[in-house]
Amino acid sequence: MKILLACECSGIVREAFRSRGHDAVSADLETTEIAGPHVIGDVTPLLRERWDMVIAFPPCTYLSYAGTAHWNAPGRAEKRREAMAFFMECYRANAPKVCVENPFGLPANEFRSPDQIVNPFDFGEAIRKRTCFWLRGLPRLFRADEIFAVAGTSGPLPPPPPVYVSARVATGKPKARHWTEGMSRSKDRRRERSRTFQSIADAMANQWGNSTEAT
């Protein structure tokens, strides 16, 4: 298949599909971390070209509810509208099979609920990082528990314990922190938080790379 990985600079999902024989290319404003077919620049024109599949990772800065403390800051409303418009452009990409990935946030209210919510521990990595998929023409990914059930093995990995527990700023109540929430606020933190886990990339390539089923 001819596949576009929109807004992916890591190259992880692109290479998962390419290793299985697909003609996959990534596109982003930044360079690719893994050498391979990659377009640097605005992905909007590419979304209008014809593809067999588009998997998009639009920036979540103004879509996620993680930054609600800044929700009403000057200019945020305009940036939210722009981000939501781009999210929808990704979803309406010129392809019969589309997945748009994002954390839980504004699209769930202004568009619709995600078709699937996954964590890396669903696919064998002891990490909790909730990720939402909005799907068109694609089936839900099998989770590890479903895979294990078919294989007749013991079961999936349980949700991992929190990395640490801290007090919520507003209420003082404890909040479990997971994975990168404990990272330092370096310039690379945003990129590290948005990188797709290899287990999920492999599940996409293994299942969607051979899929003819629609949701």
Protein backbone atom coordinates (compact mmCIF):
# COMPACT_ATOMS: atom_id res chain seq x y z
CA MET A 1 0.00 0.00 0.00
CA LYS A 2 0.93 3.62 -0.48
CA ILE A 3 0.87 5.05 3.06
CA LEU A 4 1.37 8.55 4.47
CA LEU A 5 2.49 9.03 8.07
CA ALA A 6 1.47 12.65 8.62
CA CYS A 7 3.23 14.66 11.33
CA GLU A 8 5.66 11.88 12.15
CA CYS A 9 9.32 12.80 12.57
CA SER A 10 10.41 9.73 14.55
CA GLY A 11 10.06 7.38 11.56
CA ILE A 12 8.98 4.54 13.86
CA VAL A 13 5.59 3.84 12.29
CA ARG A 14 6.87 4.54 8.78
CA GLU A 15 9.63 1.95 9.17
CA ALA A 16 7.26 -0.59 10.71
CA PHE A 17 5.19 -0.50 7.51
CA ARG A 18 8.19 -0.34 5.18
CA SER A 19 9.76 -3.39 6.83
CA ARG A 20 6.61 -5.27 5.83
CA GLY A 21 6.85 -4.24 2.18
CA HIS A 22 4.65 -1.13 2.06
CA ASP A 23 5.48 2.13 0.26
CA ALA A 24 5.33 4.35 3.35
CA VAL A 25 6.52 7.96 3.59
CA SER A 26 6.49 10.29 6.59
CA ALA A 27 6.03 14.06 6.56
CA ASP A 28 6.60 16.69 9.23
CA LEU A 29 7.97 20.19 9.78
CA GLU A 30 11.05 18.58 11.33
CA THR A 31 13.59 16.14 9.91
CA THR A 32 13.20 12.40 10.41
CA GLU A 33 15.09 10.70 13.23
CA ILE A 34 15.42 7.46 11.23
CA ALA A 35 16.71 7.66 7.67
CA GLY A 36 13.99 6.93 5.14
CA PRO A 37 11.45 8.55 2.79
CA HIS A 38 10.46 11.77 4.50
CA VAL A 39 9.02 15.11 3.38
CA ILE A 40 9.92 18.22 5.38
CA GLY A 41 7.23 20.90 5.32
CA ASP A 42 3.50 21.48 5.60
CA VAL A 43 1.67 18.14 5.27
CA THR A 44 -1.63 19.75 4.20
CA PRO A 45 -1.01 19.41 0.43
CA LEU A 46 0.00 15.77 0.93
CA LEU A 47 -3.26 15.01 2.74
CA ARG A 48 -5.10 15.96 -0.47
CA GLU A 49 -3.10 13.55 -2.61
CA ARG A 50 -4.41 10.02 -3.10
CA TRP A 51 -3.18 7.40 -0.61
CA ASP A 52 -4.23 3.89 0.35
CA MET A 53 -3.84 4.74 4.04
CA VAL A 54 -3.10 7.83 6.12
CA ILE A 55 -2.04 7.67 9.75
CA ALA A 56 -1.81 11.15 11.24
CA PHE A 57 -0.35 12.45 14.49
CA PRO A 58 -1.50 16.10 14.56
CA PRO A 59 0.07 18.26 17.31
CA CYS A 60 -1.90 17.98 20.55
CA THR A 61 -0.66 21.15 22.27
CA TYR A 62 -3.98 22.96 21.85
CA LEU A 63 -6.22 19.87 21.66
CA SER A 64 -5.24 17.97 24.79
CA TYR A 65 -6.90 18.65 28.13
CA ALA A 66 -3.52 18.35 29.83
CA GLY A 67 -3.04 22.12 29.53
CA THR A 68 -6.38 23.24 30.92
CA ALA A 69 -4.62 25.64 33.30
CA HIS A 70 -3.84 27.74 30.21
CA TRP A 71 -7.20 27.18 28.50
CA ASN A 72 -8.29 30.83 28.66
CA ALA A 73 -4.90 32.43 28.06
CA PRO A 74 -4.86 35.12 25.34
CA GLY A 75 -4.79 33.62 21.86
CA ARG A 76 -5.51 30.05 22.99
CA ALA A 77 -9.06 30.01 21.60
CA GLU A 78 -7.80 30.91 18.13
CA LYS A 79 -5.05 28.31 18.29
CA ARG A 80 -7.57 25.67 19.42
CA ARG A 81 -9.76 26.44 16.39
CA GLU A 82 -6.76 26.13 14.07
CA ALA A 83 -5.65 22.88 15.70
CA MET A 84 -9.15 21.41 15.50
CA ALA A 85 -9.47 22.39 11.84
CA PHE A 86 -6.18 20.63 11.08
CA PHE A 87 -7.29 17.56 13.04
CA MET A 88 -10.39 17.35 10.83
CA GLU A 89 -8.31 17.85 7.69
CA CYS A 90 -6.25 14.83 8.75
CA TYR A 91 -9.38 12.78 9.34
CA ARG A 92 -10.77 13.74 5.92
CA ALA A 93 -7.52 12.88 4.13
CA ASN A 94 -7.81 11.51 0.60
CA ALA A 95 -7.58 7.84 1.54
CA PRO A 96 -10.07 5.02 2.20
CA LYS A 97 -8.23 4.06 5.41
CA VAL A 98 -7.46 6.72 8.00
CA CYS A 99 -6.30 6.81 11.62
CA VAL A 100 -5.84 10.05 13.53
CA GLU A 101 -3.98 9.71 16.84
CA ASN A 102 -4.21 12.13 19.76
CA PRO A 103 -4.59 12.19 23.53
CA PHE A 104 -8.09 12.51 24.93
CA GLY A 105 -9.17 16.11 24.49
CA LEU A 106 -11.12 18.56 22.36
CA PRO A 107 -11.84 16.24 19.38
CA ALA A 108 -13.86 13.96 21.67
CA ASN A 109 -16.25 16.84 22.34
CA GLU A 110 -16.22 18.82 19.11
CA PHE A 111 -16.08 15.82 16.74
CA ARG A 112 -16.92 12.49 18.39
CA SER A 113 -15.58 9.98 20.88
CA PRO A 114 -12.49 8.07 19.73
CA ASP A 115 -13.01 4.65 18.20
CA GLN A 116 -10.32 3.09 20.36
CA ILE A 117 -8.15 3.96 23.35
CA VAL A 118 -4.93 1.98 23.78
CA ASN A 119 -1.95 1.82 26.12
CA PRO A 120 1.51 0.31 25.45
CA PHE A 121 0.78 -2.31 28.11
CA ASP A 122 -2.00 -3.59 25.84
CA PHE A 123 0.73 -4.65 23.41
CA GLY A 124 3.30 -6.04 25.81
CA GLU A 125 5.19 -2.96 27.10
CA ALA A 126 4.86 -2.25 30.83
CA ILE A 127 4.05 1.42 30.26
CA ARG A 128 0.86 3.40 30.72
CA LYS A 129 0.28 6.15 28.13
CA ARG A 130 -3.33 6.51 27.04
CA THR A 131 -3.65 7.13 23.31
CA CYS A 132 -6.84 7.67 21.30
CA PHE A 133 -7.54 6.61 17.71
CA TRP A 134 -10.20 8.10 15.46
CA LEU A 135 -10.63 5.55 12.66
CA ARG A 136 -12.15 5.58 9.20
CA GLY A 137 -12.13 2.41 7.10
CA LEU A 138 -9.90 0.60 9.59
CA PRO A 139 -10.72 -1.96 12.30
CA ARG A 140 -9.74 -1.52 15.91
CA LEU A 141 -6.34 -2.92 16.77
CA PHE A 142 -6.38 -6.21 18.66
CA ARG A 143 -5.16 -5.62 22.18
CA ALA A 144 -2.74 -7.99 23.84
CA ASP A 145 -5.53 -9.58 25.91
CA GLU A 146 -7.37 -10.50 22.71
CA ILE A 147 -4.16 -11.81 21.14
CA PHE A 148 -3.37 -13.85 24.24
CA ALA A 149 -6.91 -15.23 24.32
CA VAL A 150 -6.61 -16.45 20.74
CA ALA A 151 -3.20 -17.96 21.51
CA GLY A 152 -4.52 -19.60 24.68
CA THR A 153 -1.81 -18.09 26.89
CA SER A 154 -2.09 -16.66 30.37
CA GLY A 155 -3.19 -13.09 29.68
CA PRO A 156 -2.14 -9.50 29.08
CA LEU A 157 0.24 -7.37 31.07
CA PRO A 158 -1.54 -5.61 33.91
CA PRO A 159 -1.54 -1.79 33.99
CA PRO A 160 1.84 -0.79 35.43
CA PRO A 161 2.10 1.07 38.74
CA PRO A 162 2.61 4.85 38.64
CA VAL A 163 6.11 6.19 38.25
CA TYR A 164 5.48 8.43 41.23
CA VAL A 165 2.59 10.08 43.04
CA SER A 166 2.36 13.83 43.50
CA ALA A 167 -0.24 16.23 44.87
CA ARG A 168 -2.59 17.99 42.47
CA VAL A 169 -1.88 21.71 42.33
CA ALA A 170 -5.50 22.80 42.66
CA THR A 171 -6.82 20.35 45.27
CA GLY A 172 -3.78 18.83 46.94
CA LYS A 173 -5.19 15.35 46.30
CA PRO A 174 -2.72 12.68 45.15
CA LYS A 175 -2.35 12.02 41.45
CA ALA A 176 -0.60 9.01 39.93
CA ARG A 177 2.04 10.04 37.42
CA HIS A 178 3.05 7.81 34.56
CA TRP A 179 5.92 7.54 32.12
CA THR A 180 7.08 10.94 30.79
CA GLU A 181 5.12 12.99 33.31
CA GLY A 182 8.17 12.59 35.51
CA MET A 183 10.57 13.81 32.84
CA SER A 184 12.45 17.07 33.13
CA ARG A 185 11.00 19.93 31.14
CA SER A 186 13.75 19.96 28.54
CA LYS A 187 13.39 21.12 24.94
CA ASP A 188 13.12 17.45 23.89
CA ARG A 189 10.27 16.62 26.27
CA ARG A 190 7.50 17.32 23.75
CA ARG A 191 9.13 15.06 21.16
CA GLU A 192 9.72 12.27 23.67
CA ARG A 193 6.11 12.41 24.88
CA SER A 194 4.70 12.24 21.36
CA ARG A 195 6.85 9.37 20.05
CA THR A 196 4.88 6.24 19.13
CA PHE A 197 5.87 3.09 21.01
CA GLN A 198 7.37 0.34 18.88
CA SER A 199 4.80 -2.20 20.07
CA ILE A 200 1.92 -0.03 18.82
CA ALA A 201 3.70 0.71 15.53
CA ASP A 202 4.19 -3.04 15.01
CA ALA A 203 0.53 -3.72 15.80
CA MET A 204 -0.53 -1.11 13.23
CA ALA A 205 1.73 -2.55 10.55
CA ASN A 206 0.90 -6.19 11.27
CA GLN A 207 -2.86 -5.70 11.48
CA TRP A 208 -3.68 -2.71 9.30
CA GLY A 209 -1.05 -3.62 6.74
CA ASN A 210 -3.08 -6.72 5.91
CA SER A 211 -6.54 -5.40 6.71
CA THR A 212 -9.49 -5.28 4.33
CA GLU A 213 -12.05 -4.89 7.13
CA ALA A 214 -13.67 -1.53 7.90
CA THR A 215 -14.97 -0.32 11.23
